[in-house]
């Protein structure tokens, strides 16, 4: 029986991967403990698996970040984005503010409008409910849907929304104007809900709720972005379990278009400000094992701005995407981490043999099959933006 950390078995496990065989959770957990020469073999296997499907193209999405509201029903132990309604920098954007950002982004050549916000803040804060009523909406998702539609119609930017757990009617509403939706699984570990844990008091972060929404979106043929956070108190085996949970949804419904593997960064004025964070080698192991579990076809992203000095090595661990990068707006979730300059990112990608290519917020393989994944109206719009390979062919100044 293979034991976690049994280095004598690493070659055997990687041989199975290279031969196209599936590995189990125990074997994957063993790979998470690779070191020395075994680590190099792990990275090489993940790199080969990735490039056998994606070649040496690494993609990114030129976007604007629209933080529609920084109020939320939850308060996670690592988050500085969410504010209380009485805090000075609490803010819900008005339609004219949304349009100002979207219009400027359009002029700069952006293709994606990323709506990011808290989960149903009106359930916790009466002031948010009053604000929504003033604007003419009954719920935050209803307001998001309206703003997504406005941006799509007025600028042509393609909306992608992250707004937490949605019921079926909310999914249906957002699908009319969003080409994809996002919901990070973060982790399947329930110990994170213990007092002092990253998800203590954050009911919407329960893995059962998140996996259920990914499944319901799958039944509706809604393309989803999901992923894990690395270093929020989970174990390497928890990461493996999270990858397998995502894999199960993908194998059943095929709607997981992208998995983000994102490193935790401690932030001042949070419960986890003094927690340690994952160093480069730990991230490389997690990326490589994620690639092996999820398979060569999956699009795997790791944000470059969250590891400014080491992200170039991610390409050696099996990623094929850098995520959204904005020429206009900061990363409001991680404001301390500026986006890399595109020319620099292109140089860094080229230096290790990769070509940097723009994509829509819907990946090419989903664009090519847009009749399945989008409403007929959105499919027509998206098809007009791309070439026969599903990559953008529109040019903007």
Protein backbone atom coordinates (compact mmCIF):
# COMPACT_ATOMS: atom_id res chain seq x y z
CA UNK A 1 0.00 0.00 0.00
CA UNK A 2 1.33 3.44 -0.94
CA UNK A 3 1.88 5.67 2.07
CA UNK A 4 1.78 9.46 1.95
CA UNK A 5 5.33 10.73 1.63
CA UNK A 6 6.76 7.34 0.52
CA UNK A 7 9.29 8.69 -1.95
CA UNK A 8 10.15 5.23 -3.24
CA UNK A 9 6.68 5.17 -4.84
CA UNK A 10 6.84 8.58 -6.61
CA UNK A 11 8.27 7.14 -9.83
CA UNK A 12 5.55 4.48 -9.89
CA UNK A 13 2.81 7.07 -9.46
CA UNK A 14 4.23 9.39 -12.11
CA UNK A 15 4.62 6.45 -14.51
CA UNK A 16 0.88 5.84 -14.12
CA UNK A 17 0.18 9.49 -14.93
CA UNK A 18 2.42 9.46 -18.00
CA UNK A 19 0.72 6.31 -19.26
CA UNK A 20 -2.68 7.98 -19.04
CA UNK A 21 -3.92 6.15 -15.96
CA UNK A 22 -5.92 7.80 -13.18
CA UNK A 23 -4.36 8.07 -9.74
CA UNK A 24 -6.25 7.94 -6.45
CA UNK A 25 -6.32 10.40 -3.56
CA UNK A 26 -3.65 8.56 -1.58
CA UNK A 27 -1.29 8.61 -4.55
CA UNK A 28 -2.01 12.28 -5.23
CA UNK A 29 -1.39 13.13 -1.57
CA UNK A 30 1.94 11.33 -1.80
CA UNK A 31 2.90 13.54 -4.75
CA UNK A 32 2.16 16.61 -2.60
CA UNK A 33 5.14 15.62 -0.45
CA UNK A 34 7.64 15.36 -3.32
CA UNK A 35 11.06 16.94 -2.83
CA UNK A 36 14.46 17.03 -4.48
CA UNK A 37 14.68 15.01 -7.69
CA UNK A 38 11.12 13.75 -7.18
CA UNK A 39 9.84 17.32 -7.22
CA UNK A 40 11.56 17.96 -10.54
CA UNK A 41 9.96 14.80 -11.95
CA UNK A 42 6.57 15.94 -10.66
CA UNK A 43 6.91 19.33 -12.33
CA UNK A 44 8.11 17.80 -15.58
CA UNK A 45 5.13 15.43 -15.65
CA UNK A 46 2.65 18.25 -15.03
CA UNK A 47 4.34 20.47 -17.64
CA UNK A 48 4.23 17.68 -20.24
CA UNK A 49 0.59 16.92 -19.47
CA UNK A 50 -0.37 20.57 -19.85
CA UNK A 51 1.56 21.24 -23.07
CA UNK A 52 0.32 18.02 -24.67
CA UNK A 53 -3.16 19.59 -24.70
CA UNK A 54 -2.56 23.35 -24.67
CA UNK A 55 0.79 23.60 -26.39
CA UNK A 56 2.98 26.48 -25.26
CA UNK A 57 0.23 29.10 -25.29
CA UNK A 58 -0.53 30.87 -22.01
CA UNK A 59 -3.61 33.05 -22.02
CA UNK A 60 -4.95 36.07 -20.16
CA UNK A 61 -8.15 38.10 -20.20
CA UNK A 62 -7.90 41.90 -20.55
CA UNK A 63 -10.53 43.11 -18.10
CA UNK A 64 -11.97 45.84 -15.97
CA UNK A 65 -12.71 45.04 -12.35
CA UNK A 66 -16.11 46.32 -11.22
CA UNK A 67 -16.51 45.98 -7.41
CA UNK A 68 -20.26 46.53 -7.41
CA UNK A 69 -20.52 46.44 -3.61
CA UNK A 70 -18.07 45.59 -0.86
CA UNK A 71 -20.82 44.68 1.60
CA UNK A 72 -21.42 40.97 2.27
CA UNK A 73 -23.36 38.63 4.53
CA UNK A 74 -20.09 36.87 5.50
CA UNK A 75 -16.84 37.97 7.14
CA UNK A 76 -13.96 35.65 6.26
CA UNK A 77 -10.78 35.61 8.30
CA UNK A 78 -8.50 36.70 5.44
CA UNK A 79 -10.63 39.27 3.60
CA UNK A 80 -10.12 43.04 3.44
CA UNK A 81 -12.48 43.56 0.49
CA UNK A 82 -15.63 43.28 2.59
CA UNK A 83 -16.58 46.29 4.71
CA UNK A 84 -19.23 46.97 7.29
CA UNK A 85 -21.90 49.53 6.31
CA UNK A 86 -20.58 52.05 8.84
CA UNK A 87 -16.99 51.89 7.62
CA UNK A 88 -15.83 54.94 5.71
CA UNK A 89 -14.85 53.00 2.58
CA UNK A 90 -18.03 50.90 2.36
CA UNK A 91 -19.50 51.50 -1.07
CA UNK A 92 -22.12 50.29 -3.52
CA UNK A 93 -21.61 51.55 -7.04
CA UNK A 94 -24.34 53.48 -8.82
CA UNK A 95 -25.14 52.70 -12.48
CA UNK A 96 -23.27 55.79 -13.68
CA UNK A 97 -20.15 54.68 -11.78
CA UNK A 98 -20.38 51.24 -13.34
CA UNK A 99 -20.67 52.70 -16.81
CA UNK A 100 -17.77 55.09 -16.29
CA UNK A 101 -15.42 52.22 -15.50
CA UNK A 102 -16.78 49.99 -18.27
CA UNK A 103 -16.52 52.74 -20.90
CA UNK A 104 -12.94 53.56 -19.94
CA UNK A 105 -12.08 49.87 -20.02
CA UNK A 106 -13.58 49.52 -23.49
CA UNK A 107 -11.43 52.39 -24.74
CA UNK A 108 -8.33 50.65 -23.37
CA UNK A 109 -9.11 47.44 -25.26
CA UNK A 110 -10.60 45.38 -22.46
CA UNK A 111 -12.87 42.47 -23.34
CA UNK A 112 -14.18 41.40 -19.93
CA UNK A 113 -16.19 43.18 -17.24
CA UNK A 114 -15.52 41.32 -13.99
CA UNK A 115 -18.27 42.00 -11.46
CA UNK A 116 -17.07 41.15 -7.96
CA UNK A 117 -19.10 41.65 -4.82
CA UNK A 118 -20.25 40.19 -1.54
CA UNK A 119 -22.81 37.42 -1.13
CA UNK A 120 -26.36 38.77 -0.61
CA UNK A 121 -25.38 41.68 1.67
CA UNK A 122 -29.03 42.70 1.95
CA UNK A 123 -29.61 39.60 4.07
CA UNK A 124 -27.35 41.06 6.76
CA UNK A 125 -27.44 44.83 6.27
CA UNK A 126 -30.71 46.77 6.21
CA UNK A 127 -28.86 49.72 4.66
CA UNK A 128 -28.11 47.60 1.60
CA UNK A 129 -31.73 46.57 1.28
CA UNK A 130 -32.71 50.24 1.46
CA UNK A 131 -30.15 51.10 -1.20
CA UNK A 132 -31.45 48.39 -3.50
CA UNK A 133 -35.04 49.56 -2.98
CA UNK A 134 -33.96 53.12 -3.81
CA UNK A 135 -32.37 51.88 -7.03
CA UNK A 136 -35.46 49.83 -7.88
CA UNK A 137 -34.24 46.30 -7.15
CA UNK A 138 -35.28 43.61 -4.69
CA UNK A 139 -31.94 41.83 -4.33
CA UNK A 140 -28.24 42.20 -5.03
CA UNK A 141 -28.22 39.50 -7.74
CA UNK A 142 -31.09 41.33 -9.47
CA UNK A 143 -29.00 44.52 -9.44
CA UNK A 144 -25.95 42.63 -10.76
CA UNK A 145 -28.02 41.19 -13.60
CA UNK A 146 -29.25 44.65 -14.57
CA UNK A 147 -25.76 46.17 -14.48
CA UNK A 148 -24.34 43.25 -16.46
CA UNK A 149 -26.98 43.78 -19.12
CA UNK A 150 -26.29 47.51 -19.19
CA UNK A 151 -22.55 47.04 -19.66
CA UNK A 152 -23.06 44.40 -22.34
CA UNK A 153 -25.48 46.55 -24.33
CA UNK A 154 -23.64 49.85 -23.99
CA UNK A 155 -20.01 48.77 -24.34
CA UNK A 156 -19.92 45.21 -25.65
CA UNK A 157 -17.69 44.13 -22.76
CA UNK A 158 -18.54 40.55 -21.80
CA UNK A 159 -19.66 40.25 -18.16
CA UNK A 160 -18.34 37.59 -15.78
CA UNK A 161 -19.78 37.70 -12.26
CA UNK A 162 -18.63 36.43 -8.86
CA UNK A 163 -21.39 37.04 -6.32
CA UNK A 164 -21.59 33.98 -4.10
CA UNK A 165 -24.30 31.37 -3.72
CA UNK A 166 -27.19 31.81 -6.16
CA UNK A 167 -30.53 30.03 -6.35
CA UNK A 168 -31.85 28.67 -9.64
CA UNK A 169 -33.83 31.79 -10.53
CA UNK A 170 -30.79 33.98 -9.89
CA UNK A 171 -28.63 31.72 -12.04
CA UNK A 172 -31.19 31.95 -14.84
CA UNK A 173 -31.31 35.74 -14.57
CA UNK A 174 -27.55 36.23 -14.64
CA UNK A 175 -27.12 33.78 -17.49
CA UNK A 176 -28.95 36.18 -19.82
CA UNK A 177 -26.11 38.72 -19.67
CA UNK A 178 -23.07 36.82 -18.33
CA UNK A 179 -21.02 34.53 -20.54
CA UNK A 180 -19.64 32.82 -17.43
CA UNK A 181 -19.98 32.89 -13.67
CA UNK A 182 -17.47 32.32 -10.89
CA UNK A 183 -17.64 30.60 -7.51
CA UNK A 184 -14.47 29.59 -5.73
CA UNK A 185 -14.79 26.31 -3.85
CA UNK A 186 -11.81 27.49 -1.76
CA UNK A 187 -11.59 24.22 0.19
CA UNK A 188 -13.56 21.14 1.12
CA UNK A 189 -12.09 21.31 4.64
CA UNK A 190 -14.78 21.81 7.28
CA UNK A 191 -12.20 22.48 10.00
CA UNK A 192 -11.91 25.99 8.51
CA UNK A 193 -15.32 26.71 10.09
CA UNK A 194 -14.01 26.20 13.62
CA UNK A 195 -13.64 29.27 15.82
CA UNK A 196 -10.66 31.25 14.58
CA UNK A 197 -10.64 29.45 11.22
CA UNK A 198 -10.68 31.16 7.83
CA UNK A 199 -14.39 30.44 7.30
CA UNK A 200 -15.63 30.86 10.84
CA UNK A 201 -19.00 32.62 10.62
CA UNK A 202 -19.05 32.47 6.81
CA UNK A 203 -22.05 30.28 6.08
CA UNK A 204 -21.94 30.72 2.31
CA UNK A 205 -18.45 29.19 2.18
CA UNK A 206 -19.62 25.72 3.20
CA UNK A 207 -18.28 23.29 0.58
CA UNK A 208 -21.61 21.47 0.25
CA UNK A 209 -23.33 24.72 -0.78
CA UNK A 210 -20.60 25.61 -3.23
CA UNK A 211 -20.43 22.21 -4.86
CA UNK A 212 -24.22 22.15 -5.07
CA UNK A 213 -24.22 25.43 -6.98
CA UNK A 214 -21.52 24.19 -9.37
CA UNK A 215 -23.70 21.13 -10.02
CA UNK A 216 -26.86 23.19 -10.52
CA UNK A 217 -24.99 25.47 -12.93
CA UNK A 218 -23.80 22.35 -14.72
CA UNK A 219 -27.35 21.13 -15.18
CA UNK A 220 -28.15 24.51 -16.76
CA UNK A 221 -25.04 24.44 -19.02
CA UNK A 222 -23.57 27.55 -17.37
CA UNK A 223 -19.78 27.80 -17.74
CA UNK A 224 -18.17 28.20 -14.34
CA UNK A 225 -14.83 29.29 -12.95
CA UNK A 226 -13.93 27.77 -9.59
CA UNK A 227 -10.79 26.98 -7.65
CA UNK A 228 -9.02 26.68 -4.33
CA UNK A 229 -7.20 28.98 -1.95
CA UNK A 230 -3.84 27.65 -0.81
CA UNK A 231 -2.65 28.34 2.72
CA UNK A 232 -5.86 29.28 4.57
CA UNK A 233 -5.47 26.50 7.12
CA UNK A 234 -6.14 23.45 4.96
CA UNK A 235 -3.75 20.50 4.67
CA UNK A 236 -2.15 19.20 1.45
CA UNK A 237 -4.60 16.29 1.59
CA UNK A 238 -7.47 18.79 1.82
CA UNK A 239 -6.22 20.37 -1.42
CA UNK A 240 -6.20 16.98 -3.08
CA UNK A 241 -9.76 16.35 -1.85
CA UNK A 242 -10.85 19.73 -3.24
CA UNK A 243 -9.36 18.97 -6.64
CA UNK A 244 -11.19 15.63 -6.78
CA UNK A 245 -14.47 17.30 -5.79
CA UNK A 246 -14.09 19.75 -8.70
CA UNK A 247 -13.07 16.93 -11.02
CA UNK A 248 -16.24 15.00 -10.15
CA UNK A 249 -18.44 17.95 -11.17
CA UNK A 250 -16.50 18.42 -14.38
CA UNK A 251 -16.72 14.77 -15.36
CA UNK A 252 -20.49 14.81 -14.85
CA UNK A 253 -21.41 18.17 -16.44
CA UNK A 254 -18.38 19.58 -18.27
CA UNK A 255 -19.14 23.15 -17.17
CA UNK A 256 -15.96 23.87 -15.17
CA UNK A 257 -14.09 25.90 -17.74
CA UNK A 258 -11.30 27.00 -15.42
CA UNK A 259 -9.77 26.17 -12.06
CA UNK A 260 -7.91 28.91 -10.20
CA UNK A 261 -5.19 27.84 -7.79
CA UNK A 262 -4.60 30.96 -5.72
CA UNK A 263 -2.17 31.50 -2.88
CA UNK A 264 -3.29 33.10 0.38
CA UNK A 265 -1.69 36.42 1.26
CA UNK A 266 -1.94 37.62 4.87
CA UNK A 267 -3.43 41.08 5.20
CA UNK A 268 -3.31 43.61 8.01
CA UNK A 269 -6.46 44.10 10.07
CA UNK A 270 -7.72 40.55 9.52
CA UNK A 271 -7.91 37.54 11.84
CA UNK A 272 -5.24 35.84 9.74
CA UNK A 273 -2.79 38.72 9.50
CA UNK A 274 -0.09 36.73 11.32
CA UNK A 275 -0.65 33.44 9.51
CA UNK A 276 2.10 32.00 7.37
CA UNK A 277 1.59 31.88 3.61
CA UNK A 278 2.55 29.29 0.99
CA UNK A 279 6.04 29.74 -0.43
CA UNK A 280 6.93 29.10 -4.04
CA UNK A 281 7.80 25.39 -3.73
CA UNK A 282 4.52 24.64 -1.97
CA UNK A 283 2.64 26.44 -4.73
CA UNK A 284 4.55 24.57 -7.43
CA UNK A 285 3.67 21.22 -5.84
CA UNK A 286 0.00 22.20 -5.54
CA UNK A 287 -0.16 23.46 -9.13
CA UNK A 288 1.47 20.32 -10.49
CA UNK A 289 -0.72 17.93 -8.50
CA UNK A 290 -3.78 19.96 -9.47
CA UNK A 291 -2.84 19.59 -13.13
CA UNK A 292 -2.36 15.84 -12.75
CA UNK A 293 -5.69 15.32 -10.97
CA UNK A 294 -7.73 17.64 -13.19
CA UNK A 295 -6.14 16.44 -16.42
CA UNK A 296 -4.42 18.02 -19.37
CA UNK A 297 -7.60 19.49 -20.85
CA UNK A 298 -8.50 21.67 -17.86
CA UNK A 299 -7.63 25.36 -17.93
CA UNK A 300 -5.62 26.08 -14.81
CA UNK A 301 -4.92 29.64 -13.71
CA UNK A 302 -2.61 31.08 -11.08
CA UNK A 303 -2.73 34.87 -10.60
CA UNK A 304 0.69 36.42 -11.32
CA UNK A 305 0.19 39.46 -9.10
CA UNK A 306 -0.02 37.34 -5.92
CA UNK A 307 3.56 36.07 -6.33
CA UNK A 308 5.36 38.84 -8.13
CA UNK A 309 8.84 37.31 -7.89
CA UNK A 310 8.03 33.65 -8.49
CA UNK A 311 5.06 33.39 -10.81
CA UNK A 312 7.18 32.74 -13.90
CA UNK A 313 7.97 29.28 -12.48
CA UNK A 314 4.24 28.47 -12.48
CA UNK A 315 4.52 27.79 -16.21
CA UNK A 316 6.86 24.93 -15.37
CA UNK A 317 4.24 23.42 -13.05
CA UNK A 318 1.41 23.01 -15.55
CA UNK A 319 -0.64 26.21 -15.67
CA UNK A 320 -1.91 27.59 -18.99
CA UNK A 321 -3.52 30.87 -17.93
CA UNK A 322 -2.66 34.02 -15.99
CA UNK A 323 -6.27 35.11 -15.42
CA UNK A 324 -7.68 38.58 -15.81
CA UNK A 325 -5.23 41.47 -16.02
CA UNK A 326 -6.47 45.05 -16.08
CA UNK A 327 -4.86 48.13 -17.64
CA UNK A 328 -7.27 50.32 -15.67
CA UNK A 329 -8.51 48.94 -12.36
CA UNK A 330 -6.62 47.43 -9.44
CA UNK A 331 -7.25 44.01 -7.94
CA UNK A 332 -9.83 45.11 -5.36
CA UNK A 333 -9.66 41.74 -3.59
CA UNK A 334 -5.87 42.02 -3.23
CA UNK A 335 -5.21 45.77 -3.53
CA UNK A 336 -1.67 45.40 -2.21
CA UNK A 337 -0.74 43.29 -5.26
CA UNK A 338 -0.66 45.32 -8.51
CA UNK A 339 -1.22 43.66 -11.87
CA UNK A 340 1.95 43.00 -13.85
CA UNK A 341 2.59 45.10 -16.93
CA UNK A 342 1.46 43.13 -19.99
CA UNK A 343 4.75 43.66 -21.80
CA UNK A 344 6.59 42.31 -18.78
CA UNK A 345 4.24 39.33 -18.55
CA UNK A 346 4.76 38.67 -22.24
CA UNK A 347 8.55 38.78 -21.83
CA UNK A 348 8.42 36.45 -18.83
CA UNK A 349 6.23 34.01 -20.73
CA UNK A 350 8.45 34.14 -23.81
CA UNK A 351 11.57 33.64 -21.73
CA UNK A 352 10.46 30.12 -20.76
CA UNK A 353 9.08 29.24 -24.19
CA UNK A 354 5.43 30.33 -23.96
CA UNK A 355 3.40 32.66 -26.16
CA UNK A 356 1.07 35.09 -24.37
CA UNK A 357 -2.35 35.27 -26.05
CA UNK A 358 -5.53 37.21 -25.23
CA UNK A 359 -8.75 35.31 -24.57
CA UNK A 360 -12.33 36.16 -23.73
CA UNK A 361 -13.64 35.41 -20.25
CA UNK A 362 -15.10 32.34 -21.96
CA UNK A 363 -12.35 29.92 -22.96
CA UNK A 364 -11.93 29.02 -26.66
CA UNK A 365 -13.22 25.44 -26.36
CA UNK A 366 -16.44 26.80 -24.83
CA UNK A 367 -16.65 29.61 -27.39
CA UNK A 368 -16.48 27.07 -30.22
CA UNK A 369 -19.42 25.23 -28.64
CA UNK A 370 -21.25 28.40 -27.60
CA UNK A 371 -24.61 27.05 -28.81
CA UNK A 372 -24.51 24.67 -25.85
CA UNK A 373 -23.07 27.01 -23.24
CA UNK A 374 -24.70 30.38 -23.97
CA UNK A 375 -28.10 31.82 -24.74
CA UNK A 376 -28.63 32.32 -28.45
CA UNK A 377 -28.21 36.09 -28.07
CA UNK A 378 -24.93 35.81 -26.17
CA UNK A 379 -23.69 33.09 -28.50
CA UNK A 380 -24.21 35.40 -31.48
CA UNK A 381 -22.34 38.25 -29.76
CA UNK A 382 -19.43 36.05 -28.68
CA UNK A 383 -19.12 34.42 -32.10
CA UNK A 384 -18.74 37.86 -33.68
CA UNK A 385 -15.71 38.54 -31.44
CA UNK A 386 -13.60 35.50 -32.27
CA UNK A 387 -11.71 33.66 -34.99
CA UNK A 388 -12.18 30.02 -35.93
CA UNK A 389 -10.02 28.95 -32.97
CA UNK A 390 -12.19 30.76 -30.44
CA UNK A 391 -9.67 33.53 -29.68
CA UNK A 392 -10.51 37.26 -29.98
CA UNK A 393 -10.05 38.83 -33.41
CA UNK A 394 -11.44 42.25 -32.58
CA UNK A 395 -9.05 45.19 -32.27
CA UNK A 396 -9.57 48.24 -30.09
CA UNK A 397 -7.45 51.28 -29.47
